[in-house]
Amino acid sequence: MEKKKNVSIRLNGKEQIFTERARTPGLSGQSRDKAGEETAASSEEKNTETEFADLETDQTNVEDKIIDFNKKQKEKQERSLPFWDDGKRDAGPRLPPFQRKKKNSSGVSFNFNFIFHSVFLAIAAAVITGGIFGFIMLNIFTGGDNPPDPASDGGLAATPGSAAGAVVPAGEDGSRSIPSLNLYVIQGGAFSLKEKAEETASALREGDFPAVITENTDPLYLFIGIGSSKEDAEKLSVIYNERGTETYIKSYDITGSTGIPEEWAGFFEKGTSWMEKAATITAKDISGEALSNEEAAEMLQAGQAWEEEFQGLSGETDKPYFQEAEEWLQTGEPALRMYSSSVYSSSSAWEVQETLLKTMLAYEKLILAVKNTGENQ
């Protein structure tokens, strides 16, 4: 009887089984050859099976290395579509990695959400409302004019170097120059309707305050005080502010020019000098400052000199501007002798203030008349 022995050998991770058959005594040579052939056939069959197994493994590895470009293109298209929540997340979806913004490398971030905070919105609204309200009030009291440009509301721009009351050198033909008048007025309002301006002026006069409305200006301006300097005007403005009246101080300059006859020069110089002195004294009186007898006497003398200069023009009635000159003096006359006594009162000072405002506008009218005659070259 033939005996078999199985031997298992593993080469390169592959197991192969070999069978060893022991010879049986008495077995013929033909039988041994036949047995050897069967063993060889069995070994060949096993080798063939191993080769097929290796071939299948190699085929699988090859398939793993094949790139499907259609599949890659499809994945790229899906990534470009909107990134919606798939319904399986507890929190909202985040952007895909390739669409997320890079973090700030500096580590500093700024959040604009504070803009929508209620406190911030309240502050912003208050600032805007206050700015609009202030702009409206400024236009009400100034009429939108620029302080340095009184010509826009009827005033005449000043000529530098010719102060009020100054003696101006004569020209080659013996003519003299009209002195400039530089004053500061307190404006109490600007109105498009005369009725509204008159209503406000009446309320001020009832309180013994001056109120003069400009003519032929757009808008109409309400002047409630006058000073020879800005400091004088500020003294009066404080009193108005204490009683709740809003005021606006601006320069009011009337241009001096050349071309008037020699005999008229003194009249212009004395008149403008008196106006400046009266504006200064009344501002001091109203603000509570003590006045000396010398100041009152100086103002009185300036007024008398002005009247005397006009009396010397009795032969000049043929001048086209004589009527305007007479009106200028007559407008100022009520205030010429108010400070003739040693007793002063603030009520009288306020009356002089209103007279001065009217006299200033009358002087402006006179200057325009002189220019229109053609004598002012």
Protein backbone atom coordinates (compact mmCIF):
# COMPACT_ATOMS: atom_id res chain seq x y z
CA MET A 1 0.00 0.00 0.00
CA GLU A 2 1.28 3.48 -0.92
CA LYS A 3 1.79 6.08 1.84
CA LYS A 4 1.36 9.88 1.30
CA LYS A 5 2.97 12.82 3.10
CA ASN A 6 1.75 16.37 2.55
CA VAL A 7 4.26 19.22 2.86
CA SER A 8 3.13 22.91 2.92
CA ILE A 9 5.63 25.54 1.71
CA ARG A 10 5.00 29.35 1.70
CA LEU A 11 6.95 31.34 -0.86
CA ASN A 12 6.51 35.12 -1.16
CA GLY A 13 3.36 34.93 0.91
CA LYS A 14 1.87 32.16 -1.22
CA GLU A 15 1.27 28.73 0.17
CA GLN A 16 1.92 25.66 -1.95
CA ILE A 17 1.27 22.01 -0.96
CA PHE A 18 3.45 19.18 -2.09
CA THR A 19 2.65 15.50 -1.62
CA GLU A 20 5.32 12.93 -1.11
CA ARG A 21 4.36 9.32 -1.80
CA ALA A 22 6.34 6.50 -0.32
CA ARG A 23 7.09 3.49 -2.48
CA THR A 24 5.22 0.36 -1.71
CA PRO A 25 7.25 -2.76 -1.88
CA GLY A 26 6.38 -5.01 -4.71
CA LEU A 27 4.97 -2.17 -6.85
CA SER A 28 5.78 -2.69 -10.45
CA GLY A 29 7.67 -0.12 -12.50
CA GLN A 30 4.61 0.64 -14.60
CA SER A 31 2.61 1.33 -11.52
CA ARG A 32 5.32 3.62 -10.20
CA ASP A 33 5.39 5.56 -13.47
CA LYS A 34 1.65 5.94 -13.44
CA ALA A 35 1.70 7.20 -9.86
CA GLY A 36 4.40 9.69 -10.76
CA GLU A 37 2.33 11.01 -13.62
CA GLU A 38 -0.68 11.50 -11.35
CA THR A 39 1.46 13.38 -8.83
CA ALA A 40 2.87 15.61 -11.57
CA ALA A 41 -0.62 16.30 -12.92
CA SER A 42 -1.86 17.21 -9.47
CA SER A 43 1.07 19.61 -8.91
CA GLU A 44 0.55 21.24 -12.31
CA GLU A 45 -3.13 21.77 -11.59
CA LYS A 46 -2.32 23.50 -8.31
CA ASN A 47 0.25 25.73 -9.98
CA THR A 48 -2.30 26.75 -12.59
CA GLU A 49 -4.80 27.72 -9.87
CA THR A 50 -2.13 29.82 -8.15
CA GLU A 51 -1.31 31.67 -11.38
CA PHE A 52 -4.99 32.50 -11.96
CA ALA A 53 -5.24 33.86 -8.40
CA ASP A 54 -2.18 36.04 -8.95
CA LEU A 55 -3.62 37.30 -12.22
CA GLU A 56 -6.90 38.33 -10.56
CA THR A 57 -5.00 40.21 -7.84
CA ASP A 58 -2.91 42.09 -10.42
CA GLN A 59 -6.09 42.98 -12.36
CA THR A 60 -7.65 44.48 -9.19
CA ASN A 61 -4.58 46.63 -8.56
CA VAL A 62 -4.70 47.91 -12.13
CA GLU A 63 -8.37 48.87 -11.78
CA ASP A 64 -7.57 50.85 -8.63
CA LYS A 65 -5.11 52.97 -10.60
CA ILE A 66 -7.56 53.87 -13.40
CA ILE A 67 -8.79 57.56 -13.18
CA ASP A 68 -12.40 58.20 -14.14
CA PHE A 69 -12.40 61.75 -15.56
CA ASN A 70 -16.20 61.83 -15.90
CA LYS A 71 -16.51 61.16 -12.17
CA LYS A 72 -13.98 63.90 -11.37
CA GLN A 73 -15.85 66.42 -13.55
CA LYS A 74 -19.13 65.58 -11.86
CA GLU A 75 -17.63 66.14 -8.40
CA LYS A 76 -16.24 69.54 -9.49
CA GLN A 77 -19.67 70.63 -10.76
CA GLU A 78 -21.31 69.59 -7.49
CA ARG A 79 -18.87 71.69 -5.50
CA SER A 80 -19.76 74.80 -7.56
CA LEU A 81 -23.47 74.49 -6.70
CA PRO A 82 -24.98 76.32 -3.64
CA PHE A 83 -24.12 74.63 -0.37
CA TRP A 84 -27.41 73.75 1.26
CA ASP A 85 -28.05 72.03 4.55
CA ASP A 86 -28.68 68.33 4.06
CA GLY A 87 -31.03 68.25 7.04
CA LYS A 88 -28.71 66.06 9.12
CA ARG A 89 -26.92 68.82 11.01
CA ASP A 90 -27.82 70.23 14.41
CA ALA A 91 -26.38 73.62 13.53
CA GLY A 92 -26.56 75.59 10.29
CA PRO A 93 -24.29 74.49 7.45
CA ARG A 94 -20.90 76.08 6.96
CA LEU A 95 -19.39 76.98 3.65
CA PRO A 96 -17.39 74.29 1.89
CA PRO A 97 -13.67 74.43 2.63
CA PHE A 98 -12.79 75.82 -0.79
CA GLN A 99 -15.21 78.77 -0.31
CA ARG A 100 -14.25 79.78 3.22
CA LYS A 101 -12.40 83.04 3.67
CA LYS A 102 -8.94 82.95 5.06
CA LYS A 103 -8.50 84.13 8.61
CA ASN A 104 -6.90 87.50 9.18
CA SER A 105 -3.23 86.80 9.70
CA SER A 106 -2.85 89.91 11.87
CA GLY A 107 -5.35 88.59 14.37
CA VAL A 108 -7.30 91.90 14.36
CA SER A 109 -10.95 91.73 13.42
CA PHE A 110 -13.61 94.46 13.16
CA ASN A 111 -17.27 93.80 13.68
CA PHE A 112 -19.77 96.15 12.06
CA ASN A 113 -22.71 94.79 14.02
CA PHE A 114 -22.39 97.67 16.50
CA ILE A 115 -23.85 99.97 13.81
CA PHE A 116 -27.24 98.35 14.32
CA HIS A 117 -27.09 98.64 18.10
CA SER A 118 -30.01 100.66 19.51
CA VAL A 119 -27.78 102.96 21.57
CA PHE A 120 -25.59 103.79 18.58
CA LEU A 121 -28.64 104.48 16.41
CA ALA A 122 -30.11 106.77 19.07
CA ILE A 123 -26.89 108.80 19.34
CA ALA A 124 -26.56 109.07 15.56
CA ALA A 125 -30.19 110.21 15.23
CA ALA A 126 -29.69 112.84 17.94
CA VAL A 127 -26.56 114.23 16.25
CA ILE A 128 -28.24 114.43 12.84
CA THR A 129 -31.40 116.03 14.26
CA GLY A 130 -29.36 118.58 16.22
CA GLY A 131 -27.32 119.50 13.15
CA ILE A 132 -30.43 120.02 11.02
CA PHE A 133 -32.13 122.08 13.72
CA GLY A 134 -29.03 124.25 14.18
CA PHE A 135 -28.79 124.84 10.43
CA ILE A 136 -32.46 125.90 10.32
CA MET A 137 -32.02 128.30 13.25
CA LEU A 138 -28.91 129.80 11.65
CA ASN A 139 -30.83 130.48 8.44
CA ILE A 140 -33.72 131.99 10.38
CA PHE A 141 -31.49 134.53 12.11
CA THR A 142 -28.97 135.15 9.36
CA GLY A 143 -31.06 134.58 6.27
CA GLY A 144 -28.24 132.42 4.89
CA ASP A 145 -25.96 135.42 4.39
CA ASN A 146 -22.24 135.51 5.08
CA PRO A 147 -21.21 137.87 7.89
CA PRO A 148 -18.30 139.47 6.02
CA ASP A 149 -20.52 140.34 3.05
CA PRO A 150 -23.21 142.84 4.12
CA ALA A 151 -23.57 143.92 0.50
CA SER A 152 -25.80 140.87 -0.01
CA ASP A 153 -28.45 142.37 2.32
CA GLY A 154 -28.18 145.97 1.20
CA GLY A 155 -24.94 146.97 2.94
CA LEU A 156 -22.02 148.45 1.04
CA ALA A 157 -18.58 146.89 1.31
CA ALA A 158 -16.02 148.96 3.16
CA THR A 159 -12.99 150.47 1.57
CA PRO A 160 -9.87 149.62 3.60
CA GLY A 161 -7.99 152.50 5.12
CA SER A 162 -10.83 155.04 5.40
CA ALA A 163 -12.33 154.91 8.89
CA ALA A 164 -15.48 156.80 9.83
CA GLY A 165 -14.86 160.47 10.58
CA ALA A 166 -11.32 160.38 9.18
CA VAL A 167 -10.06 163.32 7.17
CA VAL A 168 -9.51 162.14 3.62
CA PRO A 169 -6.91 163.99 1.49
CA ALA A 170 -8.24 166.12 -1.32
CA GLY A 171 -7.86 165.11 -4.95
CA GLU A 172 -6.11 167.10 -7.65
CA ASP A 173 -9.39 168.85 -8.51
CA GLY A 174 -10.02 169.77 -4.88
CA SER A 175 -12.64 167.03 -4.37
CA ARG A 176 -12.84 165.03 -1.14
CA SER A 177 -13.72 161.43 -0.31
CA ILE A 178 -16.74 160.07 1.49
CA PRO A 179 -15.57 158.35 4.71
CA SER A 180 -16.39 154.70 5.26
CA LEU A 181 -18.70 153.68 8.09
CA ASN A 182 -17.77 150.40 9.79
CA LEU A 183 -20.22 149.22 12.43
CA TYR A 184 -21.45 145.94 13.96
CA VAL A 185 -25.15 145.21 14.09
CA ILE A 186 -27.12 142.71 16.15
CA GLN A 187 -29.54 140.83 13.94
CA GLY A 188 -32.71 139.46 15.50
CA GLY A 189 -34.08 137.63 12.48
CA ALA A 190 -34.53 137.41 8.72
CA PHE A 191 -38.02 137.27 7.20
CA SER A 192 -39.50 136.65 3.79
CA LEU A 193 -42.82 138.29 4.80
CA LYS A 194 -42.95 141.90 6.00
CA GLU A 195 -45.97 141.14 8.19
CA LYS A 196 -44.01 138.58 10.18
CA ALA A 197 -41.07 140.98 10.55
CA GLU A 198 -43.37 143.77 11.78
CA GLU A 199 -44.99 141.42 14.28
CA THR A 200 -41.62 140.48 15.79
CA ALA A 201 -40.48 144.12 15.81
CA SER A 202 -43.65 145.23 17.65
CA ALA A 203 -43.09 142.63 20.35
CA LEU A 204 -39.55 143.94 20.91
CA ARG A 205 -40.63 147.58 21.04
CA GLU A 206 -43.22 146.72 23.68
CA GLY A 207 -40.31 145.61 25.84
CA ASP A 208 -38.51 148.94 25.21
CA PHE A 209 -35.99 147.34 22.86
CA PRO A 210 -34.96 148.76 19.48
CA ALA A 211 -36.22 147.11 16.31
CA VAL A 212 -35.48 148.33 12.77
CA ILE A 213 -36.40 146.47 9.58
CA THR A 214 -34.33 146.87 6.41
CA GLU A 215 -35.91 148.00 3.14
CA ASN A 216 -35.51 146.64 -0.36
CA THR A 217 -33.66 143.53 0.79
CA ASP A 218 -34.51 139.88 0.31
CA PRO A 219 -34.99 138.61 2.91
CA LEU A 220 -35.94 141.44 5.26
CA TYR A 221 -33.53 141.80 8.19
CA LEU A 222 -34.48 142.83 11.71
CA PHE A 223 -31.72 144.79 13.50
CA ILE A 224 -32.02 145.14 17.27
CA GLY A 225 -28.71 146.70 18.30
CA ILE A 226 -25.56 148.44 17.06
CA GLY A 227 -21.96 148.93 18.21
CA SER A 228 -18.88 150.70 16.90
CA SER A 229 -16.90 147.48 17.52
CA LYS A 230 -17.65 143.80 17.86
CA GLU A 231 -16.96 144.02 21.60
CA ASP A 232 -19.66 146.68 21.98
CA ALA A 233 -22.14 144.55 20.05
CA GLU A 234 -21.35 141.53 22.21
CA LYS A 235 -22.21 143.51 25.34
CA LEU A 236 -25.71 144.11 23.97
CA SER A 237 -26.04 140.55 22.73
CA VAL A 238 -25.52 139.20 26.25
CA ILE A 239 -28.54 141.16 27.48
CA TYR A 240 -30.73 139.75 24.71
CA ASN A 241 -29.55 136.21 25.38
CA GLU A 242 -30.38 136.55 29.07
CA ARG A 243 -33.99 137.30 28.19
CA GLY A 244 -34.17 134.36 25.78
CA THR A 245 -33.76 136.22 22.50
CA GLU A 246 -31.45 134.63 19.94
CA THR A 247 -29.07 137.08 18.27
CA TYR A 248 -26.51 137.16 15.49
CA ILE A 249 -23.70 139.73 15.26
CA LYS A 250 -22.33 140.76 11.88
CA SER A 251 -20.25 143.54 10.39
CA TYR A 252 -22.12 146.24 8.48
CA ASP A 253 -19.75 148.27 6.31
CA ILE A 254 -20.66 151.20 4.06
CA THR A 255 -18.11 152.14 1.44
CA GLY A 256 -16.33 155.46 1.37
CA SER A 257 -15.35 156.81 -2.05
CA THR A 258 -13.93 159.87 -3.79
CA GLY A 259 -15.47 162.69 -5.74
CA ILE A 260 -17.59 164.88 -3.41
CA PRO A 261 -17.06 168.65 -3.36
CA GLU A 262 -14.83 170.15 -0.68
CA GLU A 263 -17.72 171.90 1.06
CA TRP A 264 -19.51 168.59 1.65
CA ALA A 265 -16.58 166.75 3.22
CA GLY A 266 -17.08 168.15 6.73
CA PHE A 267 -20.74 167.15 6.78
CA PHE A 268 -19.92 163.50 6.02
CA GLU A 269 -16.99 163.40 8.45
CA LYS A 270 -18.83 164.95 11.41
CA GLY A 271 -21.91 162.80 10.90
CA THR A 272 -20.07 159.46 10.78
CA SER A 273 -17.92 160.48 13.77
CA TRP A 274 -21.03 161.23 15.86
CA MET A 275 -22.56 157.83 14.96
CA GLU A 276 -19.47 155.94 16.14
CA LYS A 277 -19.31 157.85 19.43
CA ALA A 278 -23.01 157.36 20.10
CA ALA A 279 -22.78 153.60 19.42
CA THR A 280 -19.88 153.22 21.87
CA ILE A 281 -21.45 155.28 24.68
CA THR A 282 -24.88 153.63 24.49
CA ALA A 283 -23.34 150.12 24.53
CA LYS A 284 -21.39 151.00 27.69
CA ASP A 285 -24.43 152.57 29.31
CA ILE A 286 -26.72 149.61 28.62
CA SER A 287 -24.14 147.08 29.84
CA GLY A 288 -23.87 148.93 33.16
CA GLU A 289 -20.48 150.57 32.71
CA ALA A 290 -19.94 153.98 34.24
CA LEU A 291 -19.88 156.95 31.87
CA SER A 292 -17.89 160.10 32.43
CA ASN A 293 -19.13 163.61 31.80
CA GLU A 294 -16.33 164.02 29.27
CA GLU A 295 -17.66 161.14 27.14
CA ALA A 296 -21.19 162.54 27.15
CA ALA A 297 -19.89 166.04 26.34
CA GLU A 298 -17.77 164.70 23.47
CA MET A 299 -20.77 162.97 21.95
CA LEU A 300 -22.88 166.12 22.32
CA GLN A 301 -20.26 168.30 20.67
CA ALA A 302 -19.93 165.86 17.77
CA GLY A 303 -23.68 166.11 17.16
CA GLN A 304 -23.65 169.90 17.25
CA ALA A 305 -20.75 170.03 14.81
CA TRP A 306 -22.66 167.81 12.43
CA GLU A 307 -25.67 170.16 12.49
CA GLU A 308 -23.47 173.18 11.87
CA GLU A 309 -21.86 171.55 8.84
CA PHE A 310 -25.27 170.98 7.29
CA GLN A 311 -26.34 174.55 7.92
CA GLY A 312 -23.35 175.66 5.87
CA LEU A 313 -24.76 173.73 2.90
CA SER A 314 -27.84 175.92 2.56
CA GLY A 315 -26.60 177.02 -0.87
CA GLU A 316 -26.23 173.44 -2.09
CA THR A 317 -29.92 172.62 -2.37
CA ASP A 318 -29.49 172.03 -6.11
CA LYS A 319 -27.41 168.91 -5.48
CA PRO A 320 -29.24 165.70 -6.48
CA TYR A 321 -28.41 164.11 -3.15
CA PHE A 322 -29.30 167.12 -0.94
CA GLN A 323 -32.64 165.59 0.07
CA GLU A 324 -30.99 162.33 1.16
CA ALA A 325 -28.39 164.32 3.14
CA GLU A 326 -31.14 166.22 4.94
CA GLU A 327 -32.99 162.98 5.74
CA TRP A 328 -29.79 161.51 7.19
CA LEU A 329 -29.42 164.41 9.64
CA GLN A 330 -33.13 164.51 10.53
CA THR A 331 -33.09 160.77 11.29
CA GLY A 332 -30.30 161.23 13.83
CA GLU A 333 -31.53 164.46 15.41
CA PRO A 334 -33.74 162.83 18.12
CA ALA A 335 -30.63 161.32 19.71
CA LEU A 336 -28.31 164.32 19.40
CA ARG A 337 -29.17 165.85 22.79
CA MET A 338 -30.21 162.81 24.84
CA TYR A 339 -26.89 162.82 26.70
CA SER A 340 -26.84 166.55 27.34
CA SER A 341 -27.68 166.19 31.04
CA SER A 342 -25.66 164.54 33.80
CA VAL A 343 -28.35 161.92 34.40
CA TYR A 344 -28.32 158.88 32.13
CA SER A 345 -30.81 156.03 31.89
CA SER A 346 -30.70 152.74 30.06
CA SER A 347 -34.10 153.43 28.54
CA SER A 348 -32.67 156.51 26.80
CA ALA A 349 -29.72 154.45 25.62
CA TRP A 350 -32.04 151.91 23.97
CA GLU A 351 -33.83 154.81 22.21
CA VAL A 352 -30.51 156.07 20.88
CA GLN A 353 -29.73 152.57 19.68
CA GLU A 354 -32.85 152.48 17.53
CA THR A 355 -32.14 155.98 16.21
CA LEU A 356 -28.60 154.94 15.30
CA LEU A 357 -29.87 151.93 13.35
CA LYS A 358 -32.22 154.14 11.34
CA THR A 359 -29.46 156.72 10.81
CA MET A 360 -27.12 153.99 9.52
CA LEU A 361 -29.65 152.93 6.87
CA ALA A 362 -30.25 156.60 5.95
CA TYR A 363 -26.48 157.09 5.44
CA GLU A 364 -26.38 154.06 3.16
CA LYS A 365 -29.20 155.56 1.12
CA LEU A 366 -27.28 158.86 0.86
CA ILE A 367 -24.14 157.14 -0.43
CA LEU A 368 -26.11 155.40 -3.15
CA ALA A 369 -27.64 158.71 -4.19
CA VAL A 370 -24.18 160.32 -4.44
CA LYS A 371 -22.90 157.49 -6.61
CA ASN A 372 -25.92 157.67 -8.90
CA THR A 373 -25.29 161.35 -9.68
CA GLY A 374 -22.05 160.56 -11.46
CA GLU A 375 -20.07 162.95 -9.25
CA ASN A 376 -18.44 159.99 -7.55
CA GLN A 377 -15.94 158.85 -10.16
